[in-house]
Amino acid sequence: MDAHELVERYQAGDRSFARADLQGAELRGATLHGVDLSGADLSGADLDSADLSGTDLRWANLSKASLRKATLQDARLEGANLRDANLSRASLRAATLEGAILETTNLSRVNLEKASLWGANLEEAKLNKANLRGTNLELAALLEADLDGADLHDACLLGASLEGARVTEDQLAQAASLEGATLPDGTKHP
């Protein structure tokens, strides 16, 4: 299926595209509310400024996809592969990314307010100036992540791994919980 066919079927009322092969698809600016793209291959796709609010992207492959300024509010991305993707300035408010792979992903200036990233892999991710207010990062791997200027107010970092992360003590003091977290210097928070 190509991007054109997907949009036509969506406009005709079809909302199920589970396991679709959309590698490299050009969906810039597309509106695909509440679509089922679970298990779909969207690797290398251009989804810049797309509106994917409420979309089911569980176990989808979005590696190297471009989602700059995309709206993924309330989207489901459990177990999704977003390795090397570009989500700068995207809105993932209240999205579920539990167990997602976000290694080396560009999340600069992203809005992840009240999102759930429980157990997500964010190793070497760029989260500079990201909005992480009230975000659940419990058991997340943030090794070597860039959190420069990120807002961690009320974020849950319970048991998270922050070893080598670029983050200040003032930022960490804003978090709701650091219990059991591995701090940037390798020590364990009590």
C-alpha atoms as a PDB file:
ATOM      1  CA  MET A   1       0.000   0.000   0.000  1.00  0.00           C
ATOM      2  CA  ASP A   2       1.317   3.463  -0.790  1.00  0.00           C
ATOM      3  CA  ALA A   3       0.606   6.739   1.026  1.00  0.00           C
ATOM      4  CA  HIS A   4      -1.914   7.888  -1.595  1.00  0.00           C
ATOM      5  CA  GLU A   5      -3.978   4.696  -1.218  1.00  0.00           C
ATOM      6  CA  LEU A   6      -3.856   4.994   2.597  1.00  0.00           C
ATOM      7  CA  VAL A   7      -5.213   8.552   2.505  1.00  0.00           C
ATOM      8  CA  GLU A   8      -7.951   7.615   0.022  1.00  0.00           C
ATOM      9  CA  ARG A   9      -9.062   4.656   2.146  1.00  0.00           C
ATOM     10  CA  TYR A  10      -8.985   6.832   5.284  1.00  0.00           C
ATOM     11  CA  GLN A  11     -11.184   9.458   3.608  1.00  0.00           C
ATOM     12  CA  ALA A  12     -13.587   6.655   2.588  1.00  0.00           C
ATOM     13  CA  GLY A  13     -13.918   5.649   6.248  1.00  0.00           C
ATOM     14  CA  ASP A  14     -11.362   2.833   6.579  1.00  0.00           C
ATOM     15  CA  ARG A  15      -9.454   3.084   9.888  1.00  0.00           C
ATOM     16  CA  SER A  16      -7.605  -0.246   9.994  1.00  0.00           C
ATOM     17  CA  PHE A  17      -4.160  -0.442   8.437  1.00  0.00           C
ATOM     18  CA  ALA A  18      -2.514  -2.849  10.877  1.00  0.00           C
ATOM     19  CA  ARG A  19       0.776  -4.321   9.646  1.00  0.00           C
ATOM     20  CA  ALA A  20       0.712  -2.162   6.496  1.00  0.00           C
ATOM     21  CA  ASP A  21       3.986  -1.717   4.607  1.00  0.00           C
ATOM     22  CA  LEU A  22       4.470   2.044   4.369  1.00  0.00           C
ATOM     23  CA  GLN A  23       8.274   2.239   4.296  1.00  0.00           C
ATOM     24  CA  GLY A  24       9.386   5.676   3.144  1.00  0.00           C
ATOM     25  CA  ALA A  25       5.780   6.852   2.717  1.00  0.00           C
ATOM     26  CA  GLU A  26       5.200  10.569   2.108  1.00  0.00           C
ATOM     27  CA  LEU A  27       2.479  11.502   4.621  1.00  0.00           C
ATOM     28  CA  ARG A  28       3.600  15.040   5.446  1.00  0.00           C
ATOM     29  CA  GLY A  29       0.702  17.022   6.909  1.00  0.00           C
ATOM     30  CA  ALA A  30      -1.727  14.071   6.682  1.00  0.00           C
ATOM     31  CA  THR A  31      -4.662  13.826   9.101  1.00  0.00           C
ATOM     32  CA  LEU A  32      -5.113  10.262  10.327  1.00  0.00           C
ATOM     33  CA  HIS A  33      -7.061  10.465  13.616  1.00  0.00           C
ATOM     34  CA  GLY A  34      -7.680   7.209  15.457  1.00  0.00           C
ATOM     35  CA  VAL A  35      -6.191   4.983  12.759  1.00  0.00           C
ATOM     36  CA  ASP A  36      -4.948   1.463  13.560  1.00  0.00           C
ATOM     37  CA  LEU A  37      -1.361   1.281  12.332  1.00  0.00           C
ATOM     38  CA  SER A  38      -0.299  -1.320  14.886  1.00  0.00           C
ATOM     39  CA  GLY A  39       2.627  -3.369  13.630  1.00  0.00           C
ATOM     40  CA  ALA A  40       2.914  -1.214  10.489  1.00  0.00           C
ATOM     41  CA  ASP A  41       6.298  -0.537   8.882  1.00  0.00           C
ATOM     42  CA  LEU A  42       6.692   3.235   8.597  1.00  0.00           C
ATOM     43  CA  SER A  43      10.489   3.213   8.655  1.00  0.00           C
ATOM     44  CA  GLY A  44      11.896   6.260   6.891  1.00  0.00           C
ATOM     45  CA  ALA A  45       8.404   7.734   6.401  1.00  0.00           C
ATOM     46  CA  ASP A  46       7.865  11.503   6.238  1.00  0.00           C
ATOM     47  CA  LEU A  47       5.137  12.335   8.762  1.00  0.00           C
ATOM     48  CA  ASP A  48       6.199  15.939   9.427  1.00  0.00           C
ATOM     49  CA  SER A  49       3.271  18.021  10.720  1.00  0.00           C
ATOM     50  CA  ALA A  50       0.924  14.999  10.445  1.00  0.00           C
ATOM     51  CA  ASP A  51      -1.982  14.729  12.878  1.00  0.00           C
ATOM     52  CA  LEU A  52      -1.960  11.208  14.320  1.00  0.00           C
ATOM     53  CA  SER A  53      -3.968  11.985  17.461  1.00  0.00           C
ATOM     54  CA  GLY A  54      -5.382   8.864  19.064  1.00  0.00           C
ATOM     55  CA  THR A  55      -3.622   6.619  16.539  1.00  0.00           C
ATOM     56  CA  ASP A  56      -2.661   3.044  17.443  1.00  0.00           C
ATOM     57  CA  LEU A  57       1.017   2.604  16.568  1.00  0.00           C
ATOM     58  CA  ARG A  58       1.746  -0.262  18.962  1.00  0.00           C
ATOM     59  CA  TRP A  59       4.739  -2.323  17.765  1.00  0.00           C
ATOM     60  CA  ALA A  60       5.048  -0.132  14.653  1.00  0.00           C
ATOM     61  CA  ASN A  61       8.443   0.389  13.049  1.00  0.00           C
ATOM     62  CA  LEU A  62       9.074   4.139  12.828  1.00  0.00           C
ATOM     63  CA  SER A  63      12.877   3.940  12.765  1.00  0.00           C
ATOM     64  CA  LYS A  64      14.445   6.868  10.913  1.00  0.00           C
ATOM     65  CA  ALA A  65      10.977   8.361  10.326  1.00  0.00           C
ATOM     66  CA  SER A  66      10.528  12.115  10.374  1.00  0.00           C
ATOM     67  CA  LEU A  67       7.726  13.291  12.668  1.00  0.00           C
ATOM     68  CA  ARG A  68       8.802  16.902  13.175  1.00  0.00           C
ATOM     69  CA  LYS A  69       5.932  19.027  14.512  1.00  0.00           C
ATOM     70  CA  ALA A  70       3.601  15.991  14.295  1.00  0.00           C
ATOM     71  CA  THR A  71       0.651  15.678  16.678  1.00  0.00           C
ATOM     72  CA  LEU A  72       0.472  12.313  18.439  1.00  0.00           C
ATOM     73  CA  GLN A  73      -1.640  13.344  21.413  1.00  0.00           C
ATOM     74  CA  ASP A  74      -3.160  10.304  23.162  1.00  0.00           C
ATOM     75  CA  ALA A  75      -1.470   8.003  20.609  1.00  0.00           C
ATOM     76  CA  ARG A  76      -0.535   4.441  21.585  1.00  0.00           C
ATOM     77  CA  LEU A  77       3.092   3.597  20.812  1.00  0.00           C
ATOM     78  CA  GLU A  78       3.768   0.708  23.197  1.00  0.00           C
ATOM     79  CA  GLY A  79       6.767  -1.282  21.981  1.00  0.00           C
ATOM     80  CA  ALA A  80       7.162   0.931  18.896  1.00  0.00           C
ATOM     81  CA  ASN A  81      10.609   1.259  17.316  1.00  0.00           C
ATOM     82  CA  LEU A  82      11.467   4.963  16.980  1.00  0.00           C
ATOM     83  CA  ARG A  83      15.250   4.509  16.854  1.00  0.00           C
ATOM     84  CA  ASP A  84      16.943   7.411  15.044  1.00  0.00           C
ATOM     85  CA  ALA A  85      13.573   9.076  14.347  1.00  0.00           C
ATOM     86  CA  ASN A  86      13.153  12.864  14.382  1.00  0.00           C
ATOM     87  CA  LEU A  87      10.296  14.008  16.634  1.00  0.00           C
ATOM     88  CA  SER A  88      11.570  17.520  17.314  1.00  0.00           C
ATOM     89  CA  ARG A  89       8.759  19.901  18.312  1.00  0.00           C
ATOM     90  CA  ALA A  90       6.195  17.067  18.123  1.00  0.00           C
ATOM     91  CA  SER A  91       3.301  16.852  20.570  1.00  0.00           C
ATOM     92  CA  LEU A  92       2.981  13.505  22.347  1.00  0.00           C
ATOM     93  CA  ARG A  93       0.918  14.837  25.234  1.00  0.00           C
ATOM     94  CA  ALA A  94      -0.633  11.951  27.183  1.00  0.00           C
ATOM     95  CA  ALA A  95       0.736   9.428  24.656  1.00  0.00           C
ATOM     96  CA  THR A  96       1.651   5.906  25.767  1.00  0.00           C
ATOM     97  CA  LEU A  97       5.189   4.864  24.827  1.00  0.00           C
ATOM     98  CA  GLU A  98       5.699   2.071  27.331  1.00  0.00           C
ATOM     99  CA  GLY A  99       8.585  -0.167  26.306  1.00  0.00           C
ATOM    100  CA  ALA A 100       9.211   1.918  23.170  1.00  0.00           C
ATOM    101  CA  ILE A 101      12.679   2.071  21.603  1.00  0.00           C
ATOM    102  CA  LEU A 102      13.762   5.708  21.366  1.00  0.00           C
ATOM    103  CA  GLU A 103      17.542   5.227  21.175  1.00  0.00           C
ATOM    104  CA  THR A 104      19.346   8.186  19.574  1.00  0.00           C
ATOM    105  CA  THR A 105      15.952   9.735  18.755  1.00  0.00           C
ATOM    106  CA  ASN A 106      15.670  13.508  18.360  1.00  0.00           C
ATOM    107  CA  LEU A 107      13.042  14.607  20.903  1.00  0.00           C
ATOM    108  CA  SER A 108      14.241  18.179  21.275  1.00  0.00           C
ATOM    109  CA  ARG A 109      11.484  20.617  22.265  1.00  0.00           C
ATOM    110  CA  VAL A 110       8.959  17.761  22.212  1.00  0.00           C
ATOM    111  CA  ASN A 111       5.842  17.915  24.391  1.00  0.00           C
ATOM    112  CA  LEU A 112       5.634  14.687  26.411  1.00  0.00           C
ATOM    113  CA  GLU A 113       3.560  16.174  29.226  1.00  0.00           C
ATOM    114  CA  LYS A 114       1.704  13.428  31.124  1.00  0.00           C
ATOM    115  CA  ALA A 115       2.946  10.778  28.678  1.00  0.00           C
ATOM    116  CA  SER A 116       3.892   7.292  29.860  1.00  0.00           C
ATOM    117  CA  LEU A 117       7.377   6.088  28.939  1.00  0.00           C
ATOM    118  CA  TRP A 118       7.489   3.313  31.529  1.00  0.00           C
ATOM    119  CA  GLY A 119      10.434   1.044  30.672  1.00  0.00           C
ATOM    120  CA  ALA A 120      11.233   2.914  27.439  1.00  0.00           C
ATOM    121  CA  ASN A 121      14.755   2.877  26.004  1.00  0.00           C
ATOM    122  CA  LEU A 122      15.895   6.505  25.597  1.00  0.00           C
ATOM    123  CA  GLU A 123      19.646   5.855  25.455  1.00  0.00           C
ATOM    124  CA  GLU A 124      21.480   8.786  23.855  1.00  0.00           C
ATOM    125  CA  ALA A 125      18.146  10.457  23.034  1.00  0.00           C
ATOM    126  CA  LYS A 126      18.093  14.222  22.544  1.00  0.00           C
ATOM    127  CA  LEU A 127      15.507  15.579  25.000  1.00  0.00           C
ATOM    128  CA  ASN A 128      16.892  19.096  25.238  1.00  0.00           C
ATOM    129  CA  LYS A 129      14.216  21.651  26.144  1.00  0.00           C
ATOM    130  CA  ALA A 130      11.574  18.871  26.172  1.00  0.00           C
ATOM    131  CA  ASN A 131       8.393  19.257  28.221  1.00  0.00           C
ATOM    132  CA  LEU A 132       8.408  16.230  30.550  1.00  0.00           C
ATOM    133  CA  ARG A 133       5.977  17.655  33.146  1.00  0.00           C
ATOM    134  CA  GLY A 134       4.164  14.850  34.903  1.00  0.00           C
ATOM    135  CA  THR A 135       5.702  12.277  32.556  1.00  0.00           C
ATOM    136  CA  ASN A 136       6.098   8.689  33.748  1.00  0.00           C
ATOM    137  CA  LEU A 137       9.720   7.664  33.126  1.00  0.00           C
ATOM    138  CA  GLU A 138       9.690   4.832  35.641  1.00  0.00           C
ATOM    139  CA  LEU A 139      12.351   2.216  34.820  1.00  0.00           C
ATOM    140  CA  ALA A 140      13.267   4.116  31.635  1.00  0.00           C
ATOM    141  CA  ALA A 141      16.824   3.868  30.287  1.00  0.00           C
ATOM    142  CA  LEU A 142      18.128   7.436  29.863  1.00  0.00           C
ATOM    143  CA  LEU A 143      21.825   6.557  29.678  1.00  0.00           C
ATOM    144  CA  GLU A 144      23.839   9.334  27.990  1.00  0.00           C
ATOM    145  CA  ALA A 145      20.567  11.179  27.173  1.00  0.00           C
ATOM    146  CA  ASP A 146      20.688  14.951  26.625  1.00  0.00           C
ATOM    147  CA  LEU A 147      18.149  16.536  29.005  1.00  0.00           C
ATOM    148  CA  ASP A 148      19.647  20.021  28.813  1.00  0.00           C
ATOM    149  CA  GLY A 149      16.877  22.505  29.662  1.00  0.00           C
ATOM    150  CA  ALA A 150      14.183  19.795  29.880  1.00  0.00           C
ATOM    151  CA  ASP A 151      11.275  20.482  32.243  1.00  0.00           C
ATOM    152  CA  LEU A 152      11.107  17.588  34.740  1.00  0.00           C
ATOM    153  CA  HIS A 153       8.470  19.072  37.094  1.00  0.00           C
ATOM    154  CA  ASP A 154       6.501  16.213  38.668  1.00  0.00           C
ATOM    155  CA  ALA A 155       8.124  13.611  36.394  1.00  0.00           C
ATOM    156  CA  CYS A 156       8.390  10.107  37.824  1.00  0.00           C
ATOM    157  CA  LEU A 157      11.955   8.784  37.512  1.00  0.00           C
ATOM    158  CA  LEU A 158      11.457   5.859  39.884  1.00  0.00           C
ATOM    159  CA  GLY A 159      14.154   3.271  39.106  1.00  0.00           C
ATOM    160  CA  ALA A 160      15.234   5.079  35.927  1.00  0.00           C
ATOM    161  CA  SER A 161      18.825   4.778  34.638  1.00  0.00           C
ATOM    162  CA  LEU A 162      20.321   8.244  34.139  1.00  0.00           C
ATOM    163  CA  GLU A 163      23.993   7.255  34.087  1.00  0.00           C
ATOM    164  CA  GLY A 164      25.969   9.699  31.950  1.00  0.00           C
ATOM    165  CA  ALA A 165      22.854  11.774  31.202  1.00  0.00           C
ATOM    166  CA  ARG A 166      23.246  15.501  30.675  1.00  0.00           C
ATOM    167  CA  VAL A 167      20.953  16.882  33.389  1.00  0.00           C
ATOM    168  CA  THR A 168      21.434  19.255  36.325  1.00  0.00           C
ATOM    169  CA  GLU A 169      20.770  18.616  40.000  1.00  0.00           C
ATOM    170  CA  ASP A 170      18.201  21.455  39.897  1.00  0.00           C
ATOM    171  CA  GLN A 171      16.298  19.657  37.139  1.00  0.00           C
ATOM    172  CA  LEU A 172      16.358  16.370  39.060  1.00  0.00           C
ATOM    173  CA  ALA A 173      15.098  18.175  42.180  1.00  0.00           C
ATOM    174  CA  GLN A 174      11.914  19.052  40.212  1.00  0.00           C
ATOM    175  CA  ALA A 175      11.034  15.368  39.706  1.00  0.00           C
ATOM    176  CA  ALA A 176       8.234  13.804  41.737  1.00  0.00           C
ATOM    177  CA  SER A 177      10.324  10.707  42.458  1.00  0.00           C
ATOM    178  CA  LEU A 178      13.911   9.578  41.996  1.00  0.00           C
ATOM    179  CA  GLU A 179      13.670   6.577  44.305  1.00  0.00           C
ATOM    180  CA  GLY A 180      15.993   3.802  43.142  1.00  0.00           C
ATOM    181  CA  ALA A 181      17.162   5.781  40.118  1.00  0.00           C
ATOM    182  CA  THR A 182      20.752   5.518  38.921  1.00  0.00           C
ATOM    183  CA  LEU A 183      22.015   9.112  38.823  1.00  0.00           C
ATOM    184  CA  PRO A 184      24.288  10.619  36.134  1.00  0.00           C
ATOM    185  CA  ASP A 185      27.397   9.957  38.244  1.00  0.00           C
ATOM    186  CA  GLY A 186      26.478   6.256  38.571  1.00  0.00           C
ATOM    187  CA  THR A 187      25.300   6.388  42.198  1.00  0.00           C
ATOM    188  CA  LYS A 188      21.900   5.050  43.256  1.00  0.00           C
ATOM    189  CA  HIS A 189      19.324   7.418  44.706  1.00  0.00           C
ATOM    190  CA  PRO A 190      17.978   6.050  47.989  1.00  0.00           C
END
